[in-house]
Amino acid sequence: MAFEDYDEYEQGEQVRKWIRENGIAVAAGVVLALALIFGWRQWQAHKTAVEVQAASQFAVVQNAAQSGDKQALAAALGNLQANYPKTPYAAFASAAVAEYDVGKDDLKSAAQNLEWAVAHSRQPALQGLFSLRLARVLLAQDQAQRALDALDKVPAGDYGAVATELRGDALLKLGKIDAARTAYRDALAKLDKDAPGRNVVQMKLENLSQPQAAPTGKQAQ
């Protein structure tokens, strides 16, 4: 046997020996890799199916809200909240129904749906938006402290002037005049000079800045 032939023979023996010693582990690794790939594809397919089903139910919510079909609206929302709570469609649907509730002057139901939307929103920006809407609804019900709690969930920097103005409104309802004044000033600082809502905030601040008239007559006694 030539030296080159012997070298190839020896290398072949080493390869066969390695396969005998490690073949099972390699095969198991291949099987595991294939299982992971198959499982990933199955999970992606399931995720896509869930998203499609949730989107379909969200469309039902939108159509029912437009047509005023309260029964269909409640059924579709209940389905989304129960079966697809982790999809963004469930949170958006809850917020949409809350808007419908506000239009029907059902502020209690609106607050409940917005609270659900806040609790199940995974993106901070969406959670901030729904918290802002919740604060408005709570203020309309004279629930100032709960409104402040909702505003605490609005990320710093998001909806800055609007959130700060609402904070001032809530503080004013609680009788915290100095804190409300500070909030309105902060809101003005965050607004451009030509911003549409600037005059409203300015008026709120000026109303707090006016000195109260001294008591006269029986009020002074």
C-alpha atoms as a PDB file:
ATOM      1  CA  MET A   1       0.000   0.000   0.000  1.00  0.00           C
ATOM      2  CA  ALA A   2       1.466   3.357  -1.025  1.00  0.00           C
ATOM      3  CA  PHE A   3       2.004   6.005   1.598  1.00  0.00           C
ATOM      4  CA  GLU A   4      -0.671   8.221   0.057  1.00  0.00           C
ATOM      5  CA  ASP A   5      -3.126   5.327  -0.035  1.00  0.00           C
ATOM      6  CA  TYR A   6      -2.369   4.472   3.569  1.00  0.00           C
ATOM      7  CA  ASP A   7      -2.902   8.094   4.600  1.00  0.00           C
ATOM      8  CA  GLU A   8      -6.305   8.169   2.897  1.00  0.00           C
ATOM      9  CA  TYR A   9      -7.176   4.808   4.446  1.00  0.00           C
ATOM     10  CA  GLU A  10      -6.219   6.057   7.914  1.00  0.00           C
ATOM     11  CA  GLN A  11      -8.233   9.242   7.485  1.00  0.00           C
ATOM     12  CA  GLY A  12     -11.211   7.190   6.360  1.00  0.00           C
ATOM     13  CA  GLU A  13     -10.918   4.990   9.420  1.00  0.00           C
ATOM     14  CA  GLN A  14     -10.801   8.058  11.641  1.00  0.00           C
ATOM     15  CA  VAL A  15     -13.908   9.443  10.004  1.00  0.00           C
ATOM     16  CA  ARG A  16     -15.768   6.156  10.430  1.00  0.00           C
ATOM     17  CA  LYS A  17     -14.633   5.956  14.056  1.00  0.00           C
ATOM     18  CA  TRP A  18     -15.843   9.489  14.704  1.00  0.00           C
ATOM     19  CA  ILE A  19     -19.202   8.679  13.151  1.00  0.00           C
ATOM     20  CA  ARG A  20     -19.539   5.546  15.281  1.00  0.00           C
ATOM     21  CA  GLU A  21     -18.764   7.535  18.423  1.00  0.00           C
ATOM     22  CA  ASN A  22     -20.750  10.663  17.610  1.00  0.00           C
ATOM     23  CA  GLY A  23     -23.266   9.557  15.049  1.00  0.00           C
ATOM     24  CA  ILE A  24     -26.180   9.349  17.480  1.00  0.00           C
ATOM     25  CA  ALA A  25     -25.490  12.821  18.849  1.00  0.00           C
ATOM     26  CA  VAL A  26     -25.254  14.271  15.351  1.00  0.00           C
ATOM     27  CA  ALA A  27     -28.462  12.577  14.284  1.00  0.00           C
ATOM     28  CA  ALA A  28     -30.196  13.838  17.399  1.00  0.00           C
ATOM     29  CA  GLY A  29     -28.948  17.342  16.673  1.00  0.00           C
ATOM     30  CA  VAL A  30     -30.283  17.192  13.133  1.00  0.00           C
ATOM     31  CA  VAL A  31     -33.649  15.929  14.349  1.00  0.00           C
ATOM     32  CA  LEU A  32     -33.791  18.678  16.981  1.00  0.00           C
ATOM     33  CA  ALA A  33     -32.923  21.352  14.416  1.00  0.00           C
ATOM     34  CA  LEU A  34     -35.627  20.093  12.067  1.00  0.00           C
ATOM     35  CA  ALA A  35     -38.122  20.028  14.929  1.00  0.00           C
ATOM     36  CA  LEU A  36     -37.260  23.609  15.843  1.00  0.00           C
ATOM     37  CA  ILE A  37     -37.660  24.749  12.255  1.00  0.00           C
ATOM     38  CA  PHE A  38     -40.976  22.927  11.916  1.00  0.00           C
ATOM     39  CA  GLY A  39     -42.168  24.246  15.276  1.00  0.00           C
ATOM     40  CA  TRP A  40     -41.215  27.809  14.344  1.00  0.00           C
ATOM     41  CA  ARG A  41     -43.139  27.574  11.083  1.00  0.00           C
ATOM     42  CA  GLN A  42     -46.138  26.107  12.869  1.00  0.00           C
ATOM     43  CA  TRP A  43     -46.033  28.898  15.450  1.00  0.00           C
ATOM     44  CA  GLN A  44     -45.773  31.551  12.741  1.00  0.00           C
ATOM     45  CA  ALA A  45     -48.730  30.003  10.910  1.00  0.00           C
ATOM     46  CA  HIS A  46     -50.761  29.940  14.121  1.00  0.00           C
ATOM     47  CA  LYS A  47     -49.830  33.543  14.901  1.00  0.00           C
ATOM     48  CA  THR A  48     -50.892  34.652  11.436  1.00  0.00           C
ATOM     49  CA  ALA A  49     -54.207  32.803  11.752  1.00  0.00           C
ATOM     50  CA  VAL A  50     -54.888  34.453  15.112  1.00  0.00           C
ATOM     51  CA  GLU A  51     -54.117  37.904  13.692  1.00  0.00           C
ATOM     52  CA  VAL A  52     -56.475  37.323  10.760  1.00  0.00           C
ATOM     53  CA  GLN A  53     -59.290  36.162  13.043  1.00  0.00           C
ATOM     54  CA  ALA A  54     -58.769  39.105  15.400  1.00  0.00           C
ATOM     55  CA  ALA A  55     -58.739  41.550  12.486  1.00  0.00           C
ATOM     56  CA  SER A  56     -62.020  40.082  11.277  1.00  0.00           C
ATOM     57  CA  GLN A  57     -63.630  40.631  14.671  1.00  0.00           C
ATOM     58  CA  PHE A  58     -62.257  44.173  14.805  1.00  0.00           C
ATOM     59  CA  ALA A  59     -63.961  44.880  11.477  1.00  0.00           C
ATOM     60  CA  VAL A  60     -67.219  43.646  13.016  1.00  0.00           C
ATOM     61  CA  VAL A  61     -66.722  46.082  15.904  1.00  0.00           C
ATOM     62  CA  GLN A  62     -66.171  48.981  13.519  1.00  0.00           C
ATOM     63  CA  ASN A  63     -69.212  48.145  11.400  1.00  0.00           C
ATOM     64  CA  ALA A  64     -71.423  47.629  14.458  1.00  0.00           C
ATOM     65  CA  ALA A  65     -70.313  50.958  15.932  1.00  0.00           C
ATOM     66  CA  GLN A  66     -71.125  52.762  12.693  1.00  0.00           C
ATOM     67  CA  SER A  67     -74.521  51.103  12.352  1.00  0.00           C
ATOM     68  CA  GLY A  68     -75.345  51.426  16.045  1.00  0.00           C
ATOM     69  CA  ASP A  69     -75.859  47.678  16.488  1.00  0.00           C
ATOM     70  CA  LYS A  70     -75.135  47.530  20.206  1.00  0.00           C
ATOM     71  CA  GLN A  71     -75.729  43.781  20.487  1.00  0.00           C
ATOM     72  CA  ALA A  72     -73.281  42.924  17.698  1.00  0.00           C
ATOM     73  CA  LEU A  73     -70.842  45.446  19.122  1.00  0.00           C
ATOM     74  CA  ALA A  74     -70.879  43.857  22.564  1.00  0.00           C
ATOM     75  CA  ALA A  75     -70.578  40.335  21.136  1.00  0.00           C
ATOM     76  CA  ALA A  76     -67.604  41.149  18.912  1.00  0.00           C
ATOM     77  CA  LEU A  77     -65.816  43.057  21.659  1.00  0.00           C
ATOM     78  CA  GLY A  78     -66.405  40.249  24.129  1.00  0.00           C
ATOM     79  CA  ASN A  79     -64.986  37.762  21.640  1.00  0.00           C
ATOM     80  CA  LEU A  80     -61.863  39.857  21.106  1.00  0.00           C
ATOM     81  CA  GLN A  81     -61.242  40.449  24.792  1.00  0.00           C
ATOM     82  CA  ALA A  82     -61.798  36.798  25.702  1.00  0.00           C
ATOM     83  CA  ASN A  83     -60.071  35.015  22.826  1.00  0.00           C
ATOM     84  CA  TYR A  84     -57.574  37.496  21.376  1.00  0.00           C
ATOM     85  CA  PRO A  85     -56.484  39.666  24.332  1.00  0.00           C
ATOM     86  CA  LYS A  86     -52.818  39.727  23.296  1.00  0.00           C
ATOM     87  CA  THR A  87     -53.486  41.148  19.837  1.00  0.00           C
ATOM     88  CA  PRO A  88     -53.511  44.916  19.285  1.00  0.00           C
ATOM     89  CA  TYR A  89     -56.962  44.541  17.725  1.00  0.00           C
ATOM     90  CA  ALA A  90     -58.496  43.804  21.136  1.00  0.00           C
ATOM     91  CA  ALA A  91     -57.131  47.015  22.646  1.00  0.00           C
ATOM     92  CA  PHE A  92     -58.118  49.087  19.604  1.00  0.00           C
ATOM     93  CA  ALA A  93     -61.602  47.586  19.667  1.00  0.00           C
ATOM     94  CA  SER A  94     -61.981  48.417  23.357  1.00  0.00           C
ATOM     95  CA  ALA A  95     -60.984  52.011  22.661  1.00  0.00           C
ATOM     96  CA  ALA A  96     -63.376  52.184  19.702  1.00  0.00           C
ATOM     97  CA  VAL A  97     -66.269  50.925  21.809  1.00  0.00           C
ATOM     98  CA  ALA A  98     -65.313  53.428  24.506  1.00  0.00           C
ATOM     99  CA  GLU A  99     -65.666  56.192  21.921  1.00  0.00           C
ATOM    100  CA  TYR A 100     -69.072  54.788  21.010  1.00  0.00           C
ATOM    101  CA  ASP A 101     -70.008  54.763  24.711  1.00  0.00           C
ATOM    102  CA  VAL A 102     -69.008  58.405  25.097  1.00  0.00           C
ATOM    103  CA  GLY A 103     -71.272  59.276  22.177  1.00  0.00           C
ATOM    104  CA  LYS A 104     -74.106  57.523  24.014  1.00  0.00           C
ATOM    105  CA  ASP A 105     -73.175  59.345  27.256  1.00  0.00           C
ATOM    106  CA  ASP A 106     -72.325  56.032  28.918  1.00  0.00           C
ATOM    107  CA  LEU A 107     -69.152  57.259  30.593  1.00  0.00           C
ATOM    108  CA  LYS A 108     -68.968  54.386  33.062  1.00  0.00           C
ATOM    109  CA  SER A 109     -68.787  51.806  30.283  1.00  0.00           C
ATOM    110  CA  ALA A 110     -66.354  54.002  28.356  1.00  0.00           C
ATOM    111  CA  ALA A 111     -64.016  54.140  31.348  1.00  0.00           C
ATOM    112  CA  GLN A 112     -64.161  50.372  31.796  1.00  0.00           C
ATOM    113  CA  ASN A 113     -63.306  49.720  28.160  1.00  0.00           C
ATOM    114  CA  LEU A 114     -60.453  52.224  28.206  1.00  0.00           C
ATOM    115  CA  GLU A 115     -59.081  50.688  31.389  1.00  0.00           C
ATOM    116  CA  TRP A 116     -59.071  47.331  29.604  1.00  0.00           C
ATOM    117  CA  ALA A 117     -57.296  48.865  26.624  1.00  0.00           C
ATOM    118  CA  VAL A 118     -54.631  50.415  28.863  1.00  0.00           C
ATOM    119  CA  ALA A 119     -54.071  47.171  30.765  1.00  0.00           C
ATOM    120  CA  HIS A 120     -53.686  45.087  27.595  1.00  0.00           C
ATOM    121  CA  SER A 121     -51.612  47.469  25.468  1.00  0.00           C
ATOM    122  CA  ARG A 122     -48.046  46.283  25.003  1.00  0.00           C
ATOM    123  CA  GLN A 123     -46.722  49.404  23.305  1.00  0.00           C
ATOM    124  CA  PRO A 124     -46.036  52.377  25.623  1.00  0.00           C
ATOM    125  CA  ALA A 125     -47.239  54.867  23.010  1.00  0.00           C
ATOM    126  CA  LEU A 126     -50.633  53.156  22.716  1.00  0.00           C
ATOM    127  CA  GLN A 127     -50.904  52.781  26.468  1.00  0.00           C
ATOM    128  CA  GLY A 128     -50.243  56.502  26.776  1.00  0.00           C
ATOM    129  CA  LEU A 129     -52.903  57.365  24.198  1.00  0.00           C
ATOM    130  CA  PHE A 130     -55.548  55.215  25.871  1.00  0.00           C
ATOM    131  CA  SER A 131     -54.560  56.553  29.313  1.00  0.00           C
ATOM    132  CA  LEU A 132     -55.023  60.087  28.028  1.00  0.00           C
ATOM    133  CA  ARG A 133     -58.525  59.254  26.777  1.00  0.00           C
ATOM    134  CA  LEU A 134     -59.293  57.521  30.056  1.00  0.00           C
ATOM    135  CA  ALA A 135     -58.258  60.610  32.000  1.00  0.00           C
ATOM    136  CA  ARG A 136     -60.681  62.748  29.965  1.00  0.00           C
ATOM    137  CA  VAL A 137     -63.550  60.346  30.634  1.00  0.00           C
ATOM    138  CA  LEU A 138     -62.765  60.169  34.345  1.00  0.00           C
ATOM    139  CA  LEU A 139     -62.598  63.951  34.616  1.00  0.00           C
ATOM    140  CA  ALA A 140     -66.007  64.154  32.959  1.00  0.00           C
ATOM    141  CA  GLN A 141     -67.232  61.974  35.841  1.00  0.00           C
ATOM    142  CA  ASP A 142     -65.506  64.217  38.424  1.00  0.00           C
ATOM    143  CA  GLN A 143     -63.106  61.408  39.317  1.00  0.00           C
ATOM    144  CA  ALA A 144     -60.068  63.669  39.468  1.00  0.00           C
ATOM    145  CA  GLN A 145     -57.753  61.424  41.468  1.00  0.00           C
ATOM    146  CA  ARG A 146     -58.348  58.465  39.160  1.00  0.00           C
ATOM    147  CA  ALA A 147     -57.679  60.794  36.237  1.00  0.00           C
ATOM    148  CA  LEU A 148     -54.320  61.708  37.765  1.00  0.00           C
ATOM    149  CA  ASP A 149     -53.534  58.023  38.205  1.00  0.00           C
ATOM    150  CA  ALA A 150     -54.304  57.458  34.522  1.00  0.00           C
ATOM    151  CA  LEU A 151     -52.094  60.381  33.488  1.00  0.00           C
ATOM    152  CA  ASP A 152     -49.206  58.860  35.424  1.00  0.00           C
ATOM    153  CA  LYS A 153     -49.192  56.080  32.802  1.00  0.00           C
ATOM    154  CA  VAL A 154     -48.607  58.507  29.939  1.00  0.00           C
ATOM    155  CA  PRO A 155     -44.898  58.229  28.984  1.00  0.00           C
ATOM    156  CA  ALA A 156     -42.865  61.348  29.644  1.00  0.00           C
ATOM    157  CA  GLY A 157     -42.711  63.477  26.532  1.00  0.00           C
ATOM    158  CA  ASP A 158     -45.744  61.904  24.880  1.00  0.00           C
ATOM    159  CA  TYR A 159     -48.793  64.150  24.423  1.00  0.00           C
ATOM    160  CA  GLY A 160     -46.865  66.623  26.611  1.00  0.00           C
ATOM    161  CA  ALA A 161     -49.011  69.748  26.545  1.00  0.00           C
ATOM    162  CA  VAL A 162     -52.325  67.885  26.413  1.00  0.00           C
ATOM    163  CA  ALA A 163     -51.416  65.585  29.296  1.00  0.00           C
ATOM    164  CA  THR A 164     -50.109  68.485  31.371  1.00  0.00           C
ATOM    165  CA  GLU A 165     -53.253  70.539  30.757  1.00  0.00           C
ATOM    166  CA  LEU A 166     -55.415  67.595  31.823  1.00  0.00           C
ATOM    167  CA  ARG A 167     -53.278  67.236  34.930  1.00  0.00           C
ATOM    168  CA  GLY A 168     -53.995  70.875  35.704  1.00  0.00           C
ATOM    169  CA  ASP A 169     -57.736  70.270  35.271  1.00  0.00           C
ATOM    170  CA  ALA A 170     -57.614  67.308  37.649  1.00  0.00           C
ATOM    171  CA  LEU A 171     -55.597  69.201  40.247  1.00  0.00           C
ATOM    172  CA  LEU A 172     -58.032  72.095  40.032  1.00  0.00           C
ATOM    173  CA  LYS A 173     -60.964  69.763  40.711  1.00  0.00           C
ATOM    174  CA  LEU A 174     -59.098  68.510  43.771  1.00  0.00           C
ATOM    175  CA  GLY A 175     -58.703  72.081  45.008  1.00  0.00           C
ATOM    176  CA  LYS A 176     -54.921  72.102  44.546  1.00  0.00           C
ATOM    177  CA  ILE A 177     -54.759  75.587  43.062  1.00  0.00           C
ATOM    178  CA  ASP A 178     -51.001  76.146  43.170  1.00  0.00           C
ATOM    179  CA  ALA A 179     -50.278  72.765  41.601  1.00  0.00           C
ATOM    180  CA  ALA A 180     -52.909  73.396  38.913  1.00  0.00           C
ATOM    181  CA  ARG A 181     -51.370  76.782  38.147  1.00  0.00           C
ATOM    182  CA  THR A 182     -47.954  75.183  37.766  1.00  0.00           C
ATOM    183  CA  ALA A 183     -49.385  72.531  35.446  1.00  0.00           C
ATOM    184  CA  TYR A 184     -51.031  75.138  33.206  1.00  0.00           C
ATOM    185  CA  ARG A 185     -47.773  77.090  33.017  1.00  0.00           C
ATOM    186  CA  ASP A 186     -45.927  73.929  32.056  1.00  0.00           C
ATOM    187  CA  ALA A 187     -48.545  73.215  29.396  1.00  0.00           C
ATOM    188  CA  LEU A 188     -48.121  76.698  27.926  1.00  0.00           C
ATOM    189  CA  ALA A 189     -44.356  76.231  27.838  1.00  0.00           C
ATOM    190  CA  LYS A 190     -44.828  73.080  25.768  1.00  0.00           C
ATOM    191  CA  LEU A 191     -47.220  74.709  23.287  1.00  0.00           C
ATOM    192  CA  ASP A 192     -46.199  76.670  20.210  1.00  0.00           C
ATOM    193  CA  LYS A 193     -47.370  80.267  20.116  1.00  0.00           C
ATOM    194  CA  ASP A 194     -49.769  79.463  17.275  1.00  0.00           C
ATOM    195  CA  ALA A 195     -51.065  76.194  18.766  1.00  0.00           C
ATOM    196  CA  PRO A 196     -54.901  75.958  18.572  1.00  0.00           C
ATOM    197  CA  GLY A 197     -55.383  75.143  22.251  1.00  0.00           C
ATOM    198  CA  ARG A 198     -52.996  77.738  23.638  1.00  0.00           C
ATOM    199  CA  ASN A 199     -55.669  80.367  24.256  1.00  0.00           C
ATOM    200  CA  VAL A 200     -57.748  77.903  26.288  1.00  0.00           C
ATOM    201  CA  VAL A 201     -54.826  77.021  28.547  1.00  0.00           C
ATOM    202  CA  GLN A 202     -53.928  80.695  28.881  1.00  0.00           C
ATOM    203  CA  MET A 203     -57.483  81.481  29.945  1.00  0.00           C
ATOM    204  CA  LYS A 204     -57.416  78.720  32.567  1.00  0.00           C
ATOM    205  CA  LEU A 205     -54.171  80.091  33.968  1.00  0.00           C
ATOM    206  CA  GLU A 206     -55.448  83.666  34.035  1.00  0.00           C
ATOM    207  CA  ASN A 207     -58.593  82.601  35.876  1.00  0.00           C
ATOM    208  CA  LEU A 208     -56.416  81.112  38.609  1.00  0.00           C
ATOM    209  CA  SER A 209     -54.145  84.143  38.687  1.00  0.00           C
ATOM    210  CA  GLN A 210     -56.941  86.598  39.388  1.00  0.00           C
ATOM    211  CA  PRO A 211     -57.046  87.605  43.077  1.00  0.00           C
ATOM    212  CA  GLN A 212     -60.269  86.780  44.846  1.00  0.00           C
ATOM    213  CA  ALA A 213     -62.400  89.729  45.919  1.00  0.00           C
ATOM    214  CA  ALA A 214     -62.181  90.655  49.589  1.00  0.00           C
ATOM    215  CA  PRO A 215     -65.281  89.672  51.584  1.00  0.00           C
ATOM    216  CA  THR A 216     -67.712  92.499  52.295  1.00  0.00           C
ATOM    217  CA  GLY A 217     -70.764  93.028  54.468  1.00  0.00           C
ATOM    218  CA  LYS A 218     -71.936  89.907  56.261  1.00  0.00           C
ATOM    219  CA  GLN A 219     -69.184  87.862  54.543  1.00  0.00           C
ATOM    220  CA  ALA A 220     -66.570  89.995  56.341  1.00  0.00           C
ATOM    221  CA  GLN A 221     -68.114  89.389  59.737  1.00  0.00           C
END
